Amino acid sequence: LVDLTRRSGGRVIAAGTTVVRALETAARGPQAGWTSLVVTEETG
């Protein structure tokens, strides 16, 4: 759904910083597991 939304011009709105951390981790690697990612302006 994230992929489809972006491809069709919609926006993905994360309801909370926890959601951002999960989505951004999955976009960079496994879709489940443990994340140590700290999302910042530098990580994008």
PDB file of all heavy atoms in Angstrom:
ATOM      1  N   LEU A   1       0.818  -1.212   0.000  1.00  0.00           N
ATOM      2  CA  LEU A   1       0.000   0.000   0.000  1.00  0.00           C
ATOM      3  C   LEU A   1       0.855   1.267   0.000  1.00  0.00           C
ATOM      4  O   LEU A   1       0.506   2.251  -0.652  1.00  0.00           O
ATOM      5  CB  LEU A   1      -0.937  -0.003   1.212  1.00  0.00           C
ATOM      6  CG  LEU A   1      -2.205  -0.835   1.086  1.00  0.00           C
ATOM      7  CD1 LEU A   1      -2.905  -0.962   2.426  1.00  0.00           C
ATOM      8  CD2 LEU A   1      -3.146  -0.222   0.047  1.00  0.00           C
ATOM      9  N   VAL A   2       1.962   1.246   0.733  1.00  0.00           N
ATOM     10  CA  VAL A   2       2.878   2.385   0.712  1.00  0.00           C
ATOM     11  C   VAL A   2       3.399   2.601  -0.708  1.00  0.00           C
ATOM     12  O   VAL A   2       3.411   3.732  -1.234  1.00  0.00           O
ATOM     13  CB  VAL A   2       4.042   2.169   1.695  1.00  0.00           C
ATOM     14  CG1 VAL A   2       5.132   3.225   1.493  1.00  0.00           C
ATOM     15  CG2 VAL A   2       3.539   2.202   3.129  1.00  0.00           C
ATOM     16  N   ASP A   3       3.826   1.522  -1.351  1.00  0.00           N
ATOM     17  CA  ASP A   3       4.333   1.594  -2.720  1.00  0.00           C
ATOM     18  C   ASP A   3       3.260   2.108  -3.673  1.00  0.00           C
ATOM     19  O   ASP A   3       3.494   3.050  -4.461  1.00  0.00           O
ATOM     20  CB  ASP A   3       4.806   0.200  -3.135  1.00  0.00           C
ATOM     21  CG  ASP A   3       5.613   0.214  -4.421  1.00  0.00           C
ATOM     22  OD1 ASP A   3       5.992   1.304  -4.887  1.00  0.00           O
ATOM     23  OD2 ASP A   3       5.871  -0.876  -4.960  1.00  0.00           O
ATOM     24  N   LEU A   4       2.060   1.529  -3.587  1.00  0.00           N
ATOM     25  CA  LEU A   4       0.973   1.927  -4.474  1.00  0.00           C
ATOM     26  C   LEU A   4       0.586   3.380  -4.261  1.00  0.00           C
ATOM     27  O   LEU A   4       0.337   4.124  -5.224  1.00  0.00           O
ATOM     28  CB  LEU A   4      -0.230   1.010  -4.235  1.00  0.00           C
ATOM     29  CG  LEU A   4      -1.501   1.326  -5.046  1.00  0.00           C
ATOM     30  CD1 LEU A   4      -1.228   1.181  -6.534  1.00  0.00           C
ATOM     31  CD2 LEU A   4      -2.647   0.411  -4.615  1.00  0.00           C
ATOM     32  N   THR A   5       0.512   3.805  -3.002  1.00  0.00           N
ATOM     33  CA  THR A   5       0.139   5.186  -2.702  1.00  0.00           C
ATOM     34  C   THR A   5       1.108   6.166  -3.331  1.00  0.00           C
ATOM     35  O   THR A   5       0.710   7.152  -3.976  1.00  0.00           O
ATOM     36  CB  THR A   5       0.086   5.404  -1.179  1.00  0.00           C
ATOM     37  OG1 THR A   5      -0.913   4.547  -0.611  1.00  0.00           O
ATOM     38  CG2 THR A   5      -0.234   6.852  -0.830  1.00  0.00           C
ATOM     39  N   ARG A   6       2.392   5.887  -3.174  1.00  0.00           N
ATOM     40  CA  ARG A   6       3.396   6.809  -3.711  1.00  0.00           C
ATOM     41  C   ARG A   6       3.399   6.794  -5.236  1.00  0.00           C
ATOM     42  O   ARG A   6       3.566   7.844  -5.868  1.00  0.00           O
ATOM     43  CB  ARG A   6       4.763   6.439  -3.163  1.00  0.00           C
ATOM     44  CG  ARG A   6       4.872   6.713  -1.671  1.00  0.00           C
ATOM     45  CD  ARG A   6       6.244   6.386  -1.135  1.00  0.00           C
ATOM     46  NE  ARG A   6       6.601   7.379  -0.125  1.00  0.00           N
ATOM     47  CZ  ARG A   6       7.827   7.847   0.037  1.00  0.00           C
ATOM     48  NH1 ARG A   6       8.798   7.430  -0.730  1.00  0.00           N
ATOM     49  NH2 ARG A   6       8.068   8.739   0.971  1.00  0.00           N
ATOM     50  N   ARG A   7       3.240   5.606  -5.824  1.00  0.00           N
ATOM     51  CA  ARG A   7       3.247   5.525  -7.286  1.00  0.00           C
ATOM     52  C   ARG A   7       2.039   6.234  -7.898  1.00  0.00           C
ATOM     53  O   ARG A   7       2.103   6.729  -9.028  1.00  0.00           O
ATOM     54  CB  ARG A   7       3.263   4.061  -7.725  1.00  0.00           C
ATOM     55  CG  ARG A   7       4.601   3.369  -7.486  1.00  0.00           C
ATOM     56  CD  ARG A   7       4.569   1.917  -7.952  1.00  0.00           C
ATOM     57  NE  ARG A   7       5.830   1.264  -7.672  1.00  0.00           N
ATOM     58  CZ  ARG A   7       6.901   1.323  -8.474  1.00  0.00           C
ATOM     59  NH1 ARG A   7       6.846   2.028  -9.586  1.00  0.00           N
ATOM     60  NH2 ARG A   7       8.013   0.692  -8.149  1.00  0.00           N
ATOM     61  N   SER A   8       0.936   6.287  -7.148  1.00  0.00           N
ATOM     62  CA  SER A   8      -0.275   6.930  -7.671  1.00  0.00           C
ATOM     63  C   SER A   8      -0.383   8.396  -7.288  1.00  0.00           C
ATOM     64  O   SER A   8      -1.391   9.036  -7.579  1.00  0.00           O
ATOM     65  CB  SER A   8      -1.505   6.160  -7.182  1.00  0.00           C
ATOM     66  OG  SER A   8      -1.572   6.183  -5.761  1.00  0.00           O
ATOM     67  N   GLY A   9       0.646   8.925  -6.624  1.00  0.00           N
ATOM     68  CA  GLY A   9       0.661  10.349  -6.294  1.00  0.00           C
ATOM     69  C   GLY A   9       0.070  10.704  -4.955  1.00  0.00           C
ATOM     70  O   GLY A   9      -0.056  11.889  -4.626  1.00  0.00           O
ATOM     71  N   GLY A  10      -0.312   9.703  -4.141  1.00  0.00           N
ATOM     72  CA  GLY A  10      -0.819   9.973  -2.804  1.00  0.00           C
ATOM     73  C   GLY A  10       0.309  10.199  -1.804  1.00  0.00           C
ATOM     74  O   GLY A  10       1.497  10.066  -2.132  1.00  0.00           O
ATOM     75  N   ARG A  11      -0.081  10.504  -0.595  1.00  0.00           N
ATOM     76  CA  ARG A  11       0.891  10.782   0.467  1.00  0.00           C
ATOM     77  C   ARG A  11       0.765   9.742   1.574  1.00  0.00           C
ATOM     78  O   ARG A  11      -0.346   9.380   1.968  1.00  0.00           O
ATOM     79  CB  ARG A  11       0.666  12.182   1.029  1.00  0.00           C
ATOM     80  CG  ARG A  11       0.755  13.284  -0.008  1.00  0.00           C
ATOM     81  CD  ARG A  11       0.342  14.625   0.554  1.00  0.00           C
ATOM     82  NE  ARG A  11      -1.046  14.633   1.010  1.00  0.00           N
ATOM     83  CZ  ARG A  11      -1.647  15.693   1.544  1.00  0.00           C
ATOM     84  NH1 ARG A  11      -0.971  16.837   1.679  1.00  0.00           N
ATOM     85  NH2 ARG A  11      -2.900  15.626   1.945  1.00  0.00           N
ATOM     86  N   VAL A  12       1.895   9.323   2.104  1.00  0.00           N
ATOM     87  CA  VAL A  12       1.922   8.379   3.220  1.00  0.00           C
ATOM     88  C   VAL A  12       2.103   9.198   4.496  1.00  0.00           C
ATOM     89  O   VAL A  12       3.138   9.846   4.689  1.00  0.00           O
ATOM     90  CB  VAL A  12       3.061   7.359   3.061  1.00  0.00           C
ATOM     91  CG1 VAL A  12       3.135   6.453   4.285  1.00  0.00           C
ATOM     92  CG2 VAL A  12       2.865   6.539   1.784  1.00  0.00           C
ATOM     93  N   ILE A  13       1.094   9.156   5.366  1.00  0.00           N
ATOM     94  CA  ILE A  13       1.122   9.906   6.621  1.00  0.00           C
ATOM     95  C   ILE A  13       1.322   8.914   7.765  1.00  0.00           C
ATOM     96  O   ILE A  13       0.482   8.031   7.985  1.00  0.00           O
ATOM     97  CB  ILE A  13      -0.195  10.691   6.836  1.00  0.00           C
ATOM     98  CG1 ILE A  13      -0.532  11.542   5.605  1.00  0.00           C
ATOM     99  CG2 ILE A  13      -0.089  11.552   8.092  1.00  0.00           C
ATOM    100  CD1 ILE A  13       0.476  12.607   5.261  1.00  0.00           C
ATOM    101  N   ALA A  14       2.405   9.038   8.472  1.00  0.00           N
ATOM    102  CA  ALA A  14       2.693   8.160   9.611  1.00  0.00           C
ATOM    103  C   ALA A  14       2.006   8.703  10.854  1.00  0.00           C
ATOM    104  O   ALA A  14       2.183   9.871  11.202  1.00  0.00           O
ATOM    105  CB  ALA A  14       4.196   8.066   9.843  1.00  0.00           C
ATOM    106  N   ALA A  15       1.224   7.858  11.524  1.00  0.00           N
ATOM    107  CA  ALA A  15       0.573   8.264  12.774  1.00  0.00           C
ATOM    108  C   ALA A  15       1.516   7.934  13.932  1.00  0.00           C
ATOM    109  O   ALA A  15       1.347   6.935  14.624  1.00  0.00           O
ATOM    110  CB  ALA A  15      -0.765   7.575  12.939  1.00  0.00           C
ATOM    111  N   GLY A  16       2.531   8.758  14.090  1.00  0.00           N
ATOM    112  CA  GLY A  16       3.456   8.598  15.207  1.00  0.00           C
ATOM    113  C   GLY A  16       4.884   8.344  14.770  1.00  0.00           C
ATOM    114  O   GLY A  16       5.154   7.806  13.693  1.00  0.00           O
ATOM    115  N   THR A  17       5.812   8.734  15.636  1.00  0.00           N
ATOM    116  CA  THR A  17       7.231   8.519  15.346  1.00  0.00           C
ATOM    117  C   THR A  17       7.573   7.037  15.306  1.00  0.00           C
ATOM    118  O   THR A  17       8.507   6.632  14.611  1.00  0.00           O
ATOM    119  CB  THR A  17       8.104   9.232  16.393  1.00  0.00           C
ATOM    120  OG1 THR A  17       7.769   8.754  17.704  1.00  0.00           O
ATOM    121  CG2 THR A  17       7.899  10.743  16.348  1.00  0.00           C
ATOM    122  N   THR A  18       6.825   6.204  16.047  1.00  0.00           N
ATOM    123  CA  THR A  18       7.077   4.762  15.999  1.00  0.00           C
ATOM    124  C   THR A  18       6.794   4.220  14.606  1.00  0.00           C
ATOM    125  O   THR A  18       7.500   3.331  14.108  1.00  0.00           O
ATOM    126  CB  THR A  18       6.218   4.011  17.029  1.00  0.00           C
ATOM    127  OG1 THR A  18       4.826   4.223  16.754  1.00  0.00           O
ATOM    128  CG2 THR A  18       6.539   4.461  18.435  1.00  0.00           C
ATOM    129  N   VAL A  19       5.758   4.743  13.968  1.00  0.00           N
ATOM    130  CA  VAL A  19       5.425   4.309  12.615  1.00  0.00           C
ATOM    131  C   VAL A  19       6.514   4.728  11.633  1.00  0.00           C
ATOM    132  O   VAL A  19       6.901   3.961  10.749  1.00  0.00           O
ATOM    133  CB  VAL A  19       4.054   4.864  12.196  1.00  0.00           C
ATOM    134  CG1 VAL A  19       3.764   4.532  10.726  1.00  0.00           C
ATOM    135  CG2 VAL A  19       2.954   4.310  13.088  1.00  0.00           C
ATOM    136  N   VAL A  20       7.016   5.941  11.794  1.00  0.00           N
ATOM    137  CA  VAL A  20       8.114   6.390  10.933  1.00  0.00           C
ATOM    138  C   VAL A  20       9.308   5.447  11.072  1.00  0.00           C
ATOM    139  O   VAL A  20       9.896   5.010  10.073  1.00  0.00           O
ATOM    140  CB  VAL A  20       8.544   7.827  11.290  1.00  0.00           C
ATOM    141  CG1 VAL A  20       9.771   8.242  10.463  1.00  0.00           C
ATOM    142  CG2 VAL A  20       7.409   8.805  11.051  1.00  0.00           C
ATOM    143  N   ARG A  21       9.650   5.105  12.304  1.00  0.00           N
ATOM    144  CA  ARG A  21      10.811   4.246  12.526  1.00  0.00           C
ATOM    145  C   ARG A  21      10.618   2.884  11.863  1.00  0.00           C
ATOM    146  O   ARG A  21      11.547   2.360  11.237  1.00  0.00           O
ATOM    147  CB  ARG A  21      11.059   4.085  14.029  1.00  0.00           C
ATOM    148  CG  ARG A  21      12.444   3.548  14.357  1.00  0.00           C
ATOM    149  CD  ARG A  21      12.682   3.389  15.838  1.00  0.00           C
ATOM    150  NE  ARG A  21      14.111   3.377  16.120  1.00  0.00           N
ATOM    151  CZ  ARG A  21      14.665   2.948  17.252  1.00  0.00           C
ATOM    152  NH1 ARG A  21      13.889   2.507  18.233  1.00  0.00           N
ATOM    153  NH2 ARG A  21      15.968   2.966  17.420  1.00  0.00           N
ATOM    154  N   ALA A  22       9.436   2.327  11.986  1.00  0.00           N
ATOM    155  CA  ALA A  22       9.166   1.018  11.373  1.00  0.00           C
ATOM    156  C   ALA A  22       9.190   1.105   9.852  1.00  0.00           C
ATOM    157  O   ALA A  22       9.833   0.285   9.181  1.00  0.00           O
ATOM    158  CB  ALA A  22       7.826   0.481  11.865  1.00  0.00           C
ATOM    159  N   LEU A  23       8.494   2.083   9.272  1.00  0.00           N
ATOM    160  CA  LEU A  23       8.442   2.201   7.820  1.00  0.00           C
ATOM    161  C   LEU A  23       9.814   2.470   7.226  1.00  0.00           C
ATOM    162  O   LEU A  23      10.201   1.879   6.204  1.00  0.00           O
ATOM    163  CB  LEU A  23       7.479   3.315   7.417  1.00  0.00           C
ATOM    164  CG  LEU A  23       5.984   3.076   7.604  1.00  0.00           C
ATOM    165  CD1 LEU A  23       5.205   4.308   7.169  1.00  0.00           C
ATOM    166  CD2 LEU A  23       5.519   1.851   6.834  1.00  0.00           C
ATOM    167  N   GLU A  24      10.556   3.384   7.849  1.00  0.00           N
ATOM    168  CA  GLU A  24      11.866   3.739   7.296  1.00  0.00           C
ATOM    169  C   GLU A  24      12.861   2.596   7.440  1.00  0.00           C
ATOM    170  O   GLU A  24      13.740   2.420   6.587  1.00  0.00           O
ATOM    171  CB  GLU A  24      12.381   5.015   7.969  1.00  0.00           C
ATOM    172  CG  GLU A  24      11.560   6.255   7.663  1.00  0.00           C
ATOM    173  CD  GLU A  24      11.546   6.606   6.177  1.00  0.00           C
ATOM    174  OE1 GLU A  24      12.583   6.395   5.503  1.00  0.00           O
ATOM    175  OE2 GLU A  24      10.499   7.081   5.682  1.00  0.00           O
ATOM    176  N   THR A  25      12.720   1.802   8.496  1.00  0.00           N
ATOM    177  CA  THR A  25      13.577   0.626   8.638  1.00  0.00           C
ATOM    178  C   THR A  25      13.258  -0.395   7.555  1.00  0.00           C
ATOM    179  O   THR A  25      14.156  -0.945   6.905  1.00  0.00           O
ATOM    180  CB  THR A  25      13.403  -0.004  10.025  1.00  0.00           C
ATOM    181  OG1 THR A  25      13.747   0.949  11.031  1.00  0.00           O
ATOM    182  CG2 THR A  25      14.300  -1.228  10.188  1.00  0.00           C
ATOM    183  N   ALA A  26      11.963  -0.653   7.344  1.00  0.00           N
ATOM    184  CA  ALA A  26      11.556  -1.631   6.337  1.00  0.00           C
ATOM    185  C   ALA A  26      11.926  -1.176   4.932  1.00  0.00           C
ATOM    186  O   ALA A  26      12.210  -2.013   4.062  1.00  0.00           O
ATOM    187  CB  ALA A  26      10.056  -1.875   6.432  1.00  0.00           C
ATOM    188  N   ALA A  27      11.942   0.130   4.695  1.00  0.00           N
ATOM    189  CA  ALA A  27      12.322   0.637   3.378  1.00  0.00           C
ATOM    190  C   ALA A  27      13.802   0.439   3.092  1.00  0.00           C
ATOM    191  O   ALA A  27      14.223   0.483   1.931  1.00  0.00           O
ATOM    192  CB  ALA A  27      11.977   2.128   3.276  1.00  0.00           C
ATOM    193  N   ARG A  28      14.580   0.204   4.143  1.00  0.00           N
ATOM    194  CA  ARG A  28      16.023   0.030   4.004  1.00  0.00           C
ATOM    195  C   ARG A  28      16.467  -1.415   4.158  1.00  0.00           C
ATOM    196  O   ARG A  28      17.657  -1.712   3.977  1.00  0.00           O
ATOM    197  CB  ARG A  28      16.743   0.887   5.053  1.00  0.00           C
ATOM    198  CG  ARG A  28      16.605   2.396   4.837  1.00  0.00           C
ATOM    199  CD  ARG A  28      16.944   3.168   6.114  1.00  0.00           C
ATOM    200  NE  ARG A  28      17.092   4.598   5.888  1.00  0.00           N
ATOM    201  CZ  ARG A  28      16.096   5.458   5.793  1.00  0.00           C
ATOM    202  NH1 ARG A  28      14.843   5.012   5.882  1.00  0.00           N
ATOM    203  NH2 ARG A  28      16.322   6.746   5.600  1.00  0.00           N
ATOM    204  N   GLY A  29      15.570  -2.305   4.568  1.00  0.00           N
ATOM    205  CA  GLY A  29      15.991  -3.670   4.829  1.00  0.00           C
ATOM    206  C   GLY A  29      14.816  -4.569   5.136  1.00  0.00           C
ATOM    207  O   GLY A  29      13.743  -4.436   4.543  1.00  0.00           O
ATOM    208  N   PRO A  30      14.978  -5.487   6.096  1.00  0.00           N
ATOM    209  CA  PRO A  30      13.904  -6.449   6.402  1.00  0.00           C
ATOM    210  C   PRO A  30      12.624  -5.745   6.841  1.00  0.00           C
ATOM    211  O   PRO A  30      12.657  -4.676   7.450  1.00  0.00           O
ATOM    212  CB  PRO A  30      14.499  -7.278   7.546  1.00  0.00           C
ATOM    213  CG  PRO A  30      15.976  -7.097   7.435  1.00  0.00           C
ATOM    214  CD  PRO A  30      16.184  -5.714   6.902  1.00  0.00           C
ATOM    215  N   GLN A  31      11.490  -6.371   6.551  1.00  0.00           N
ATOM    216  CA  GLN A  31      10.200  -5.798   6.916  1.00  0.00           C
ATOM    217  C   GLN A  31       9.768  -6.162   8.323  1.00  0.00           C
ATOM    218  O   GLN A  31       8.711  -5.716   8.789  1.00  0.00           O
ATOM    219  CB  GLN A  31       9.138  -6.202   5.901  1.00  0.00           C
ATOM    220  CG  GLN A  31       9.353  -5.532   4.555  1.00  0.00           C
ATOM    221  CD  GLN A  31       8.304  -5.869   3.522  1.00  0.00           C
ATOM    222  OE1 GLN A  31       8.498  -5.622   2.340  1.00  0.00           O
ATOM    223  NE2 GLN A  31       7.191  -6.428   3.939  1.00  0.00           N
ATOM    224  N   ALA A  32      10.563  -6.952   9.028  1.00  0.00           N
ATOM    225  CA  ALA A  32      10.282  -7.285  10.420  1.00  0.00           C
ATOM    226  C   ALA A  32      11.599  -7.597  11.112  1.00  0.00           C
ATOM    227  O   ALA A  32      12.576  -7.993  10.478  1.00  0.00           O
ATOM    228  CB  ALA A  32       9.331  -8.473  10.519  1.00  0.00           C
ATOM    229  N   GLY A  33      11.622  -7.386  12.432  1.00  0.00           N
ATOM    230  CA  GLY A  33      12.833  -7.663  13.196  1.00  0.00           C
ATOM    231  C   GLY A  33      13.056  -6.618  14.265  1.00  0.00           C
ATOM    232  O   GLY A  33      12.102  -6.173  14.913  1.00  0.00           O
ATOM    233  N   TRP A  34      14.302  -6.222  14.442  1.00  0.00           N
ATOM    234  CA  TRP A  34      14.685  -5.227  15.438  1.00  0.00           C
ATOM    235  C   TRP A  34      15.307  -4.043  14.741  1.00  0.00           C
ATOM    236  O   TRP A  34      16.115  -4.207  13.831  1.00  0.00           O
ATOM    237  CB  TRP A  34      15.674  -5.817  16.445  1.00  0.00           C
ATOM    238  CG  TRP A  34      15.025  -6.801  17.352  1.00  0.00           C
ATOM    239  CD1 TRP A  34      14.742  -8.113  17.087  1.00  0.00           C
ATOM    240  CD2 TRP A  34      14.526  -6.536  18.671  1.00  0.00           C
ATOM    241  NE1 TRP A  34      14.101  -8.698  18.155  1.00  0.00           N
ATOM    242  CE2 TRP A  34      13.961  -7.755  19.138  1.00  0.00           C
ATOM    243  CE3 TRP A  34      14.511  -5.424  19.492  1.00  0.00           C
ATOM    244  CZ2 TRP A  34      13.385  -7.860  20.393  1.00  0.00           C
ATOM    245  CZ3 TRP A  34      13.934  -5.528  20.738  1.00  0.00           C
ATOM    246  CH2 TRP A  34      13.382  -6.726  21.176  1.00  0.00           C
ATOM    247  N   THR A  35      14.928  -2.851  15.145  1.00  0.00           N
ATOM    248  CA  THR A  35      15.470  -1.654  14.514  1.00  0.00           C
ATOM    249  C   THR A  35      16.228  -0.786  15.506  1.00  0.00           C
ATOM    250  O   THR A  35      15.758  -0.542  16.620  1.00  0.00           O
ATOM    251  CB  THR A  35      14.367  -0.811  13.844  1.00  0.00           C
ATOM    252  OG1 THR A  35      14.966   0.385  13.310  1.00  0.00           O
ATOM    253  CG2 THR A  35      13.260  -0.433  14.829  1.00  0.00           C
ATOM    254  N   SER A  36      17.388  -0.324  15.058  1.00  0.00           N
ATOM    255  CA  SER A  36      18.160   0.661  15.800  1.00  0.00           C
ATOM    256  C   SER A  36      18.213   1.982  15.034  1.00  0.00           C
ATOM    257  O   SER A  36      18.961   2.892  15.416  1.00  0.00           O
ATOM    258  CB  SER A  36      19.590   0.145  16.037  1.00  0.00           C
ATOM    259  OG  SER A  36      19.583  -1.032  16.825  1.00  0.00           O
ATOM    260  N   LEU A  37      17.440   2.075  13.960  1.00  0.00           N
ATOM    261  CA  LEU A  37      17.479   3.264  13.109  1.00  0.00           C
ATOM    262  C   LEU A  37      17.020   4.505  13.871  1.00  0.00           C
ATOM    263  O   LEU A  37      15.987   4.491  14.538  1.00  0.00           O
ATOM    264  CB  LEU A  37      16.579   3.055  11.888  1.00  0.00           C
ATOM    265  CG  LEU A  37      16.473   4.237  10.916  1.00  0.00           C
ATOM    266  CD1 LEU A  37      17.809   4.516  10.247  1.00  0.00           C
ATOM    267  CD2 LEU A  37      15.393   3.963   9.871  1.00  0.00           C
ATOM    268  N   VAL A  38      17.781   5.571  13.768  1.00  0.00           N
ATOM    269  CA  VAL A  38      17.387   6.878  14.284  1.00  0.00           C
ATOM    270  C   VAL A  38      17.187   7.782  13.076  1.00  0.00           C
ATOM    271  O   VAL A  38      18.153   8.144  12.393  1.00  0.00           O
ATOM    272  CB  VAL A  38      18.449   7.460  15.240  1.00  0.00           C
ATOM    273  CG1 VAL A  38      18.013   8.840  15.743  1.00  0.00           C
ATOM    274  CG2 VAL A  38      18.691   6.515  16.407  1.00  0.00           C
ATOM    275  N   VAL A  39      15.944   8.110  12.776  1.00  0.00           N
ATOM    276  CA  VAL A  39      15.622   8.909  11.595  1.00  0.00           C
ATOM    277  C   VAL A  39      15.922  10.375  11.889  1.00  0.00           C
ATOM    278  O   VAL A  39      15.480  10.926  12.903  1.00  0.00           O
ATOM    279  CB  VAL A  39      14.153   8.724  11.199  1.00  0.00           C
ATOM    280  CG1 VAL A  39      13.800   9.606  10.002  1.00  0.00           C
ATOM    281  CG2 VAL A  39      13.865   7.256  10.884  1.00  0.00           C
ATOM    282  N   THR A  40      16.669  11.003  10.999  1.00  0.00           N
ATOM    283  CA  THR A  40      17.044  12.405  11.159  1.00  0.00           C
ATOM    284  C   THR A  40      16.988  13.100   9.798  1.00  0.00           C
ATOM    285  O   THR A  40      16.741  12.465   8.762  1.00  0.00           O
ATOM    286  CB  THR A  40      18.471  12.543  11.719  1.00  0.00           C
ATOM    287  OG1 THR A  40      19.400  12.040  10.740  1.00  0.00           O
ATOM    288  CG2 THR A  40      18.637  11.769  13.026  1.00  0.00           C
ATOM    289  N   GLU A  41      17.261  14.384   9.808  1.00  0.00           N
ATOM    290  CA  GLU A  41      17.367  15.132   8.550  1.00  0.00           C
ATOM    291  C   GLU A  41      18.442  14.518   7.660  1.00  0.00           C
ATOM    292  O   GLU A  41      18.301  14.479   6.431  1.00  0.00           O
ATOM    293  CB  GLU A  41      17.692  16.589   8.864  1.00  0.00           C
ATOM    294  CG  GLU A  41      17.788  17.483   7.638  1.00  0.00           C
ATOM    295  CD  GLU A  41      18.123  18.913   8.004  1.00  0.00           C
ATOM    296  OE1 GLU A  41      18.452  19.166   9.187  1.00  0.00           O
ATOM    297  OE2 GLU A  41      18.059  19.781   7.109  1.00  0.00           O
ATOM    298  N   GLU A  42      19.510  14.017   8.263  1.00  0.00           N
ATOM    299  CA  GLU A  42      20.618  13.452   7.495  1.00  0.00           C
ATOM    300  C   GLU A  42      20.237  12.114   6.852  1.00  0.00           C
ATOM    301  O   GLU A  42      20.646  11.820   5.735  1.00  0.00           O
ATOM    302  CB  GLU A  42      21.846  13.270   8.390  1.00  0.00           C
ATOM    303  CG  GLU A  42      22.528  14.566   8.796  1.00  0.00           C
ATOM    304  CD  GLU A  42      21.721  15.372   9.819  1.00  0.00           C
ATOM    305  OE1 GLU A  42      20.968  14.736  10.596  1.00  0.00           O
ATOM    306  OE2 GLU A  42      21.817  16.613   9.803  1.00  0.00           O
ATOM    307  N   THR A  43      19.478  11.278   7.556  1.00  0.00           N
ATOM    308  CA  THR A  43      19.082   9.985   6.971  1.00  0.00           C
ATOM    309  C   THR A  43      18.061  10.174   5.864  1.00  0.00           C
ATOM    310  O   THR A  43      17.985   9.378   4.931  1.00  0.00           O
ATOM    311  CB  THR A  43      18.486   9.044   8.028  1.00  0.00           C
ATOM    312  OG1 THR A  43      17.240   9.580   8.495  1.00  0.00           O
ATOM    313  CG2 THR A  43      19.428   8.840   9.200  1.00  0.00           C
ATOM    314  N   GLY A  44      17.257  11.212   5.958  1.00  0.00           N
ATOM    315  CA  GLY A  44      16.207  11.434   4.984  1.00  0.00           C
ATOM    316  C   GLY A  44      15.055  10.463   5.170  1.00  0.00           C
ATOM    317  O   GLY A  44      15.041   9.630   6.080  1.00  0.00           O
TER     318      GLY A  44
END
